C-alpha cells in the first residue's frame, strides 16, 4: 500500500481538526482514525508542526530544502579540495 504525502498546509489543517475532535471528548486514536492517519503519525506531526501557522510551515520546508542544497554544495567542494590535494601530492 502506497503512502500519501501531505503538504505542510494539509498537515496543519489536519492537526487543527484533530484538536477539535479531541476537544469534543474523543480520544487521540479516534481523532486519528477519523482523519485517516495512524495515531503515530498524528503524534509525529504534533511534534514537528505543533503550534505552527501555515506560513511558518511553508518557511520551515523552504529552509530545510535550502539547507540540503547548501550541504550538498559543501560536500562537493570538499571532494574537489581532496582531489586537488591528492593530485598535488602526486599520489595518483
Protein backbone atom coordinates (compact mmCIF):
# COMPACT_ATOMS: atom_id res chain seq x y z
CA UNK A 1 0.00 0.00 0.00
CA UNK A 2 1.44 3.34 -1.06
CA UNK A 3 1.92 6.26 1.28
CA UNK A 4 0.21 9.55 0.75
CA UNK A 5 2.45 12.53 1.30
CA UNK A 6 0.74 15.52 2.83
CA UNK A 7 1.91 19.07 2.30
CA UNK A 8 2.67 21.19 5.35
CA UNK A 9 -0.55 23.18 4.90
CA UNK A 10 -2.62 19.99 4.84
CA UNK A 11 -0.87 18.66 7.94
CA UNK A 12 -1.61 21.82 9.91
CA UNK A 13 -5.27 21.68 8.89
CA UNK A 14 -5.47 18.02 9.95
CA UNK A 15 -3.85 18.87 13.29
CA UNK A 16 -6.49 21.55 13.86
CA UNK A 17 -9.23 19.05 13.01
CA UNK A 18 -7.72 16.57 15.47
CA UNK A 19 -7.69 19.23 18.18
CA UNK A 20 -11.36 19.96 17.53
CA UNK A 21 -12.20 16.25 17.73
CA UNK A 22 -10.32 15.88 20.99
CA UNK A 23 -11.96 18.97 22.47
CA UNK A 24 -15.29 17.27 21.77
CA UNK A 25 -14.23 14.42 24.02
CA UNK A 26 -12.87 11.91 21.51
CA UNK A 27 -9.61 10.11 22.13
CA UNK A 28 -6.46 10.70 20.13
CA UNK A 29 -6.87 7.32 18.43
CA UNK A 30 -10.44 8.15 17.38
CA UNK A 31 -9.38 11.55 16.04
CA UNK A 32 -6.54 9.98 14.03
CA UNK A 33 -8.86 7.29 12.66
CA UNK A 34 -11.38 9.94 11.56
CA UNK A 35 -8.59 11.82 9.74
CA UNK A 36 -7.44 8.63 8.04
CA UNK A 37 -3.97 8.57 9.57
CA UNK A 38 -2.19 6.47 12.16
CA UNK A 39 -2.00 7.61 15.76
CA UNK A 40 1.81 7.59 15.49
CA UNK A 41 1.61 9.91 12.51
CA UNK A 42 -0.56 12.30 14.48
CA UNK A 43 1.97 12.33 17.34
CA UNK A 44 4.88 12.87 14.93
CA UNK A 45 3.06 15.71 13.19
CA UNK A 46 2.31 17.35 16.54
CA UNK A 47 5.96 17.17 17.47
CA UNK A 48 7.09 18.69 14.16
CA UNK A 49 4.26 21.10 13.30
CA UNK A 50 2.54 21.73 16.64
CA UNK A 51 1.91 25.42 17.14
CA UNK A 52 2.98 26.46 13.63
CA UNK A 53 0.89 28.54 11.30
CA UNK A 54 0.67 27.69 7.60
CA UNK A 55 3.10 30.43 6.54
CA UNK A 56 5.61 29.31 9.17
CA UNK A 57 5.38 25.70 7.97
CA UNK A 58 6.00 26.79 4.38
CA UNK A 59 9.03 28.77 5.50
CA UNK A 60 10.31 25.79 7.51
CA UNK A 61 10.09 23.48 4.48
CA UNK A 62 11.78 26.09 2.29
CA UNK A 63 14.64 26.47 4.78
CA UNK A 64 15.05 22.70 5.08
CA UNK A 65 15.28 22.39 1.29
CA UNK A 66 17.81 25.23 1.13
CA UNK A 67 19.85 23.59 3.90
CA UNK A 68 20.03 20.32 1.95
CA UNK A 69 21.17 22.20 -1.15
CA UNK A 70 23.90 24.05 0.76
CA UNK A 71 25.12 20.86 2.44
CA UNK A 72 25.41 19.23 -0.98
CA UNK A 73 27.43 22.20 -2.25
CA UNK A 74 29.81 22.00 0.71
CA UNK A 75 30.25 18.25 0.20
CA UNK A 76 31.06 18.78 -3.49
CA UNK A 77 33.60 21.48 -2.64
CA UNK A 78 35.25 19.25 -0.01
CA UNK A 79 35.51 16.46 -2.58
CA UNK A 80 37.09 18.84 -5.09
CA UNK A 81 39.59 20.02 -2.49
CA UNK A 82 40.57 16.49 -1.52
CA UNK A 83 41.03 15.52 -5.20
CA UNK A 84 43.22 18.57 -5.81
CA UNK A 85 45.34 17.79 -2.73
CA UNK A 86 45.80 14.22 -3.93
CA UNK A 87 46.84 15.36 -7.40
CA UNK A 88 49.20 17.99 -5.99
CA UNK A 89 50.96 15.45 -3.78
CA UNK A 90 51.44 13.06 -6.70
CA UNK A 91 49.68 10.05 -5.13
CA UNK A 92 47.53 9.14 -8.08
